[in-house]
């Protein structure tokens, strides 16, 4: 069993900020103010959790955040990861570009059009990524390459030296 956890004694400014926070437009701030005030009143974390229909650990996290950061604990923090690592390195991006300029049929697929999901699947099969990535990851990687993706694409080019002229003329 964990030892009881309570909020440290509040200063007058902190008490005023908690009272003001109860009238905030942000639900996050209001909830945290309620939890902290209940702890100040001497309620145990389990009783507070039961009263406000949340997890006991939520109450403990709120109290710990308040002890660490003071009134900054009343503001929501970003849920974005602190660090991200690139799925595709520079070689992987160029490999993706080269992959997309080939037909999916060359990789044993039953279609000739690339979709983001199909590109993710084939890039994993070809070793461009260590694990299967999402279609959003492929879209972001393509954005790094300067390629905008809106729909399934086929980027086949012909070895015919007059292919571009024929394509522009609309005879291909």
Protein backbone atom coordinates (compact mmCIF):
# COMPACT_ATOMS: atom_id res chain seq x y z
CA UNK A 1 0.00 0.00 0.00
CA UNK A 2 1.27 3.46 -0.89
CA UNK A 3 1.74 6.11 1.76
CA UNK A 4 -0.91 8.85 1.85
CA UNK A 5 -0.08 11.74 -0.43
CA UNK A 6 -1.27 15.28 0.18
CA UNK A 7 -0.59 18.68 -1.32
CA UNK A 8 1.98 20.73 0.57
CA UNK A 9 0.66 23.77 2.46
CA UNK A 10 -0.43 26.44 -0.01
CA UNK A 11 0.62 30.07 -0.05
CA UNK A 12 -2.05 32.77 -0.24
CA UNK A 13 -1.24 33.37 -3.92
CA UNK A 14 -1.52 29.66 -4.72
CA UNK A 15 -4.83 29.44 -2.90
CA UNK A 16 -6.14 32.45 -4.86
CA UNK A 17 -4.93 30.91 -8.13
CA UNK A 18 -6.74 27.64 -7.34
CA UNK A 19 -9.95 29.59 -6.59
CA UNK A 20 -9.59 31.48 -9.87
CA UNK A 21 -8.86 28.24 -11.70
CA UNK A 22 -12.22 26.85 -10.64
CA UNK A 23 -13.82 29.45 -12.94
CA UNK A 24 -11.53 28.70 -15.89
CA UNK A 25 -12.88 27.93 -19.34
CA UNK A 26 -10.52 24.96 -19.58
CA UNK A 27 -11.87 21.74 -18.17
CA UNK A 28 -8.33 20.51 -17.52
CA UNK A 29 -7.60 23.47 -15.23
CA UNK A 30 -10.91 23.23 -13.40
CA UNK A 31 -10.45 19.51 -12.76
CA UNK A 32 -6.90 19.92 -11.47
CA UNK A 33 -7.99 22.78 -9.18
CA UNK A 34 -10.73 20.57 -7.73
CA UNK A 35 -8.31 17.71 -7.15
CA UNK A 36 -5.72 19.93 -5.47
CA UNK A 37 -8.29 21.69 -3.27
CA UNK A 38 -9.68 18.34 -2.14
CA UNK A 39 -6.17 17.22 -1.22
CA UNK A 40 -5.61 20.48 0.66
CA UNK A 41 -8.78 19.72 2.64
CA UNK A 42 -7.14 16.48 3.82
CA UNK A 43 -8.88 13.94 1.60
CA UNK A 44 -6.90 10.84 0.58
CA UNK A 45 -6.17 10.24 -3.08
CA UNK A 46 -8.55 7.27 -3.27
CA UNK A 47 -11.43 9.32 -1.84
CA UNK A 48 -10.68 12.18 -4.24
CA UNK A 49 -10.56 9.75 -7.16
CA UNK A 50 -13.91 8.28 -6.16
CA UNK A 51 -15.50 11.73 -5.77
CA UNK A 52 -14.29 13.03 -9.12
CA UNK A 53 -14.62 9.68 -10.92
CA UNK A 54 -11.03 9.40 -12.02
CA UNK A 55 -8.16 7.04 -11.34
CA UNK A 56 -6.20 7.25 -8.10
CA UNK A 57 -3.02 7.64 -10.16
CA UNK A 58 -4.50 10.70 -11.88
CA UNK A 59 -4.85 12.38 -8.50
CA UNK A 60 -1.31 11.37 -7.54
CA UNK A 61 0.08 12.67 -10.84
CA UNK A 62 -1.70 16.00 -10.29
CA UNK A 63 -0.22 16.37 -6.81
CA UNK A 64 3.27 15.40 -7.97
CA UNK A 65 3.03 17.87 -10.88
CA UNK A 66 2.01 20.60 -8.46
CA UNK A 67 4.92 19.82 -6.15
CA UNK A 68 7.36 19.93 -9.09
CA UNK A 69 6.03 22.90 -11.04
CA UNK A 70 3.72 24.84 -8.76
CA UNK A 71 0.86 26.59 -10.52
CA UNK A 72 2.19 25.51 -13.92
CA UNK A 73 0.56 22.15 -13.13
CA UNK A 74 -2.81 23.79 -13.82
CA UNK A 75 -2.01 24.26 -17.52
CA UNK A 76 -2.13 21.34 -19.96
CA UNK A 77 1.20 20.28 -21.40
CA UNK A 78 1.86 19.10 -24.91
CA UNK A 79 1.25 15.43 -25.57
CA UNK A 80 3.76 15.52 -28.41
CA UNK A 81 6.74 13.20 -27.97
CA UNK A 82 9.91 14.89 -26.71
CA UNK A 83 11.95 13.34 -29.47
CA UNK A 84 11.17 11.74 -32.76
CA UNK A 85 13.38 9.65 -34.91
CA UNK A 86 13.24 9.60 -38.62
CA UNK A 87 11.89 6.44 -40.16
CA UNK A 88 13.64 7.15 -43.45
CA UNK A 89 17.22 8.41 -43.59
CA UNK A 90 18.52 10.21 -46.70
CA UNK A 91 19.25 6.92 -48.48
CA UNK A 92 15.86 5.56 -47.47
CA UNK A 93 14.10 8.61 -48.89
CA UNK A 94 15.85 8.21 -52.22
CA UNK A 95 15.06 4.50 -52.12
CA UNK A 96 11.40 5.39 -51.58
CA UNK A 97 11.50 7.77 -54.55
CA UNK A 98 13.06 5.05 -56.73
CA UNK A 99 10.53 2.50 -55.48
CA UNK A 100 7.58 4.72 -56.40
CA UNK A 101 8.89 5.22 -59.93
CA UNK A 102 8.51 1.50 -60.56
CA UNK A 103 5.31 -0.42 -61.04
CA UNK A 104 3.89 -2.19 -57.97
CA UNK A 105 3.60 -5.23 -60.25
CA UNK A 106 7.40 -5.42 -60.27
CA UNK A 107 7.10 -6.27 -56.56
CA UNK A 108 4.46 -8.94 -57.06
CA UNK A 109 1.41 -6.78 -56.36
CA UNK A 110 -1.84 -7.13 -58.26
CA UNK A 111 -2.22 -3.46 -59.12
CA UNK A 112 -0.34 -0.94 -61.19
CA UNK A 113 -1.29 2.05 -59.01
CA UNK A 114 0.56 3.06 -55.86
CA UNK A 115 -1.37 3.80 -52.70
CA UNK A 116 0.19 5.02 -49.49
CA UNK A 117 -0.64 1.73 -47.78
CA UNK A 118 0.89 -0.27 -50.62
CA UNK A 119 4.02 1.92 -50.57
CA UNK A 120 4.33 1.30 -46.82
CA UNK A 121 4.01 -2.45 -47.31
CA UNK A 122 6.55 -2.65 -50.15
CA UNK A 123 9.03 -0.31 -48.44
CA UNK A 124 9.08 -2.70 -45.48
CA UNK A 125 9.42 -5.74 -47.74
CA UNK A 126 12.32 -4.10 -49.61
CA UNK A 127 14.13 -3.18 -46.38
CA UNK A 128 13.71 0.59 -46.63
CA UNK A 129 12.18 0.53 -43.14
CA UNK A 130 12.80 -1.85 -40.27
CA UNK A 131 9.11 -2.34 -39.56
CA UNK A 132 5.81 -1.74 -41.29
CA UNK A 133 5.03 1.98 -41.09
CA UNK A 134 1.74 3.80 -41.43
CA UNK A 135 0.52 5.42 -44.60
CA UNK A 136 0.87 8.79 -42.84
CA UNK A 137 4.58 8.10 -42.35
CA UNK A 138 4.92 7.44 -46.08
CA UNK A 139 3.02 10.65 -46.85
CA UNK A 140 5.32 12.65 -44.55
CA UNK A 141 8.41 11.07 -46.12
CA UNK A 142 7.13 11.98 -49.55
CA UNK A 143 6.53 15.54 -48.38
CA UNK A 144 10.22 15.66 -47.41
CA UNK A 145 10.97 14.67 -51.00
CA UNK A 146 8.76 17.49 -52.26
CA UNK A 147 6.09 15.12 -53.56
CA UNK A 148 2.48 15.91 -52.71
CA UNK A 149 0.15 12.95 -52.46
CA UNK A 150 -3.56 13.21 -53.10
CA UNK A 151 -4.60 9.93 -54.68
CA UNK A 152 -3.27 6.65 -56.00
CA UNK A 153 -0.52 7.32 -58.51
CA UNK A 154 1.32 5.64 -61.31
CA UNK A 155 4.65 7.21 -62.18
CA UNK A 156 5.88 4.98 -64.89
CA UNK A 157 8.12 6.42 -67.52
CA UNK A 158 8.89 4.90 -70.84
CA UNK A 159 12.39 4.30 -72.20
CA UNK A 160 11.11 5.80 -75.45
CA UNK A 161 13.11 9.01 -76.04
CA UNK A 162 10.01 10.76 -77.40
CA UNK A 163 7.81 9.70 -74.46
CA UNK A 164 7.69 13.14 -72.84
CA UNK A 165 6.72 14.83 -76.12
CA UNK A 166 4.01 12.23 -76.72
CA UNK A 167 2.74 12.60 -73.15
CA UNK A 168 2.48 16.37 -73.47
CA UNK A 169 0.73 16.02 -76.81
CA UNK A 170 -1.73 13.60 -75.21
CA UNK A 171 -1.11 10.71 -77.56
CA UNK A 172 0.12 8.40 -74.81
